[in-house]
Protein backbone atom coordinates (compact mmCIF):
# COMPACT_ATOMS: atom_id res chain seq x y z
CA MET A 1 85.25 109.28 68.20
CA SER A 2 88.18 111.04 69.80
CA GLU A 3 89.28 109.81 73.20
CA ARG A 4 89.33 112.13 76.17
CA LEU A 5 89.35 111.85 79.89
CA VAL A 6 86.40 112.95 81.95
CA GLU A 7 87.18 116.50 82.96
CA VAL A 8 84.68 116.75 85.78
CA LYS A 9 85.57 115.73 89.31
CA LEU A 10 82.46 114.96 91.31
CA ASP A 11 82.41 115.58 95.04
CA VAL A 12 81.35 112.03 95.90
CA PRO A 13 82.02 111.32 99.60
CA TYR A 14 84.67 108.68 100.17
CA VAL A 15 83.91 105.73 102.43
CA SER A 16 86.40 102.93 103.05
CA GLN A 17 84.93 99.45 102.96
CA PHE A 18 87.72 98.34 105.29
CA LEU A 19 86.96 101.02 107.88
CA ALA A 20 83.27 100.10 107.67
CA PHE A 21 84.12 96.53 108.73
CA PRO A 22 87.21 96.88 110.94
CA ARG A 23 86.73 93.52 112.67
CA ASN A 24 85.54 91.46 109.73
CA THR A 25 88.01 91.29 106.85
CA LEU A 26 85.83 88.90 104.83
CA ASN A 27 82.89 91.29 104.90
CA ALA A 28 85.21 94.22 104.15
CA VAL A 29 86.47 92.47 101.03
CA ARG A 30 82.93 91.55 99.98
CA ALA A 31 81.61 95.09 100.57
CA CYS A 32 83.30 96.82 97.61
CA GLY A 33 80.26 97.09 95.36
CA ILE A 34 77.74 98.05 98.01
CA THR A 35 80.18 100.65 99.36
CA CYS A 36 80.31 102.26 95.90
CA VAL A 37 76.51 102.31 95.76
CA TYR A 38 76.44 103.86 99.24
CA MET A 39 78.87 106.62 98.21
CA VAL A 40 76.88 107.51 95.09
CA MET A 41 73.63 107.54 97.05
CA LYS A 42 75.15 109.89 99.61
CA TYR A 43 76.32 112.12 96.74
CA LEU A 44 72.78 112.16 95.32
CA GLY A 45 71.34 113.04 98.74
CA VAL A 46 69.53 109.73 99.17
CA GLU A 47 68.78 108.82 102.79
CA VAL A 48 70.76 105.66 103.52
CA SER A 49 71.56 104.33 106.96
CA SER A 50 75.07 102.90 106.68
CA VAL A 51 77.27 100.71 104.51
CA GLU A 52 76.97 97.98 107.12
CA LYS A 53 73.16 98.06 107.03
CA MET A 54 73.06 98.04 103.22
CA PHE A 55 75.52 95.14 103.23
CA GLU A 56 73.47 93.16 105.76
CA GLU A 57 70.25 93.75 103.81
CA GLY A 58 71.76 92.54 100.54
CA ILE A 59 74.29 89.86 101.40
CA GLU A 60 71.67 87.22 102.24
CA LEU A 61 69.50 87.85 99.16
CA PRO A 62 70.15 85.42 96.30
CA SER A 63 69.04 88.21 93.95
CA ALA A 64 71.73 90.52 95.38
CA TYR A 65 74.78 88.41 96.18
CA GLY A 66 75.93 85.11 94.71
CA GLY A 67 79.01 82.95 94.27
CA ALA A 68 80.71 85.50 92.02
CA GLY A 69 79.87 88.48 94.21
CA TRP A 70 77.32 91.27 94.02
CA LYS A 71 74.86 91.17 91.15
CA HIS A 72 74.80 94.41 89.23
CA SER A 73 71.06 94.06 88.64
CA TYR A 74 70.62 94.42 92.42
CA PHE A 75 72.54 97.70 92.39
CA VAL A 76 70.39 98.91 89.49
CA SER A 77 67.27 98.05 91.51
CA LEU A 78 68.51 100.02 94.52
CA PHE A 79 68.63 103.15 92.37
CA THR A 80 65.49 102.60 90.31
CA GLU A 81 63.46 101.88 93.48
CA ARG A 82 64.43 105.37 94.61
CA GLY A 83 63.43 107.00 91.32
CA TYR A 84 66.85 107.23 89.66
CA SER A 85 67.68 106.09 86.16
CA SER A 86 70.17 103.23 86.30
CA CYS A 87 71.31 100.39 84.09
CA ASN A 88 73.96 97.70 83.83
CA MET A 89 76.14 97.99 80.74
CA VAL A 90 78.21 95.01 79.71
CA GLU A 91 80.90 95.28 77.03
CA MET A 92 80.17 98.95 76.45
CA LYS A 93 80.22 100.14 72.87
CA PRO A 94 81.60 103.59 71.90
CA ARG A 95 78.14 105.21 71.99
CA GLN A 96 77.52 103.83 75.50
CA VAL A 97 80.92 105.07 76.68
CA SER A 98 80.02 108.48 75.29
CA LEU A 99 76.74 108.47 77.25
CA PHE A 100 78.60 107.39 80.38
CA VAL A 101 81.10 110.26 80.02
CA GLN A 102 78.22 112.66 79.33
CA SER A 103 76.48 111.59 82.55
CA ILE A 104 79.65 112.36 84.55
CA ASP A 105 80.01 115.69 82.74
CA ASN A 106 76.43 116.44 83.88
CA SER A 107 77.36 115.65 87.52
CA THR A 108 75.32 112.45 87.49
CA PRO A 109 77.32 109.37 88.44
């Protein structure tokens, strides 16, 4: 498999986790994953209230946030509950990387 960079730049809206939590540095640091989910959902046109609300809803759930941070399975569930295909890939193999690149090429983050 030849290596190449993704040539598509998606117009995903940028949201700063630090600007979302200007008076709470700890929450800002802990909000990285949920902020990414928020940005992708906004790109897909999913109705979401705010990063802060998504953070508050998830941070207290043991199935969403634990000692090591956000659980990727929670992020997957946020998308699948809204009808989107989503999965968590660990130690991606070349075929999985190829599928990931293909999804970006198809404007689907």
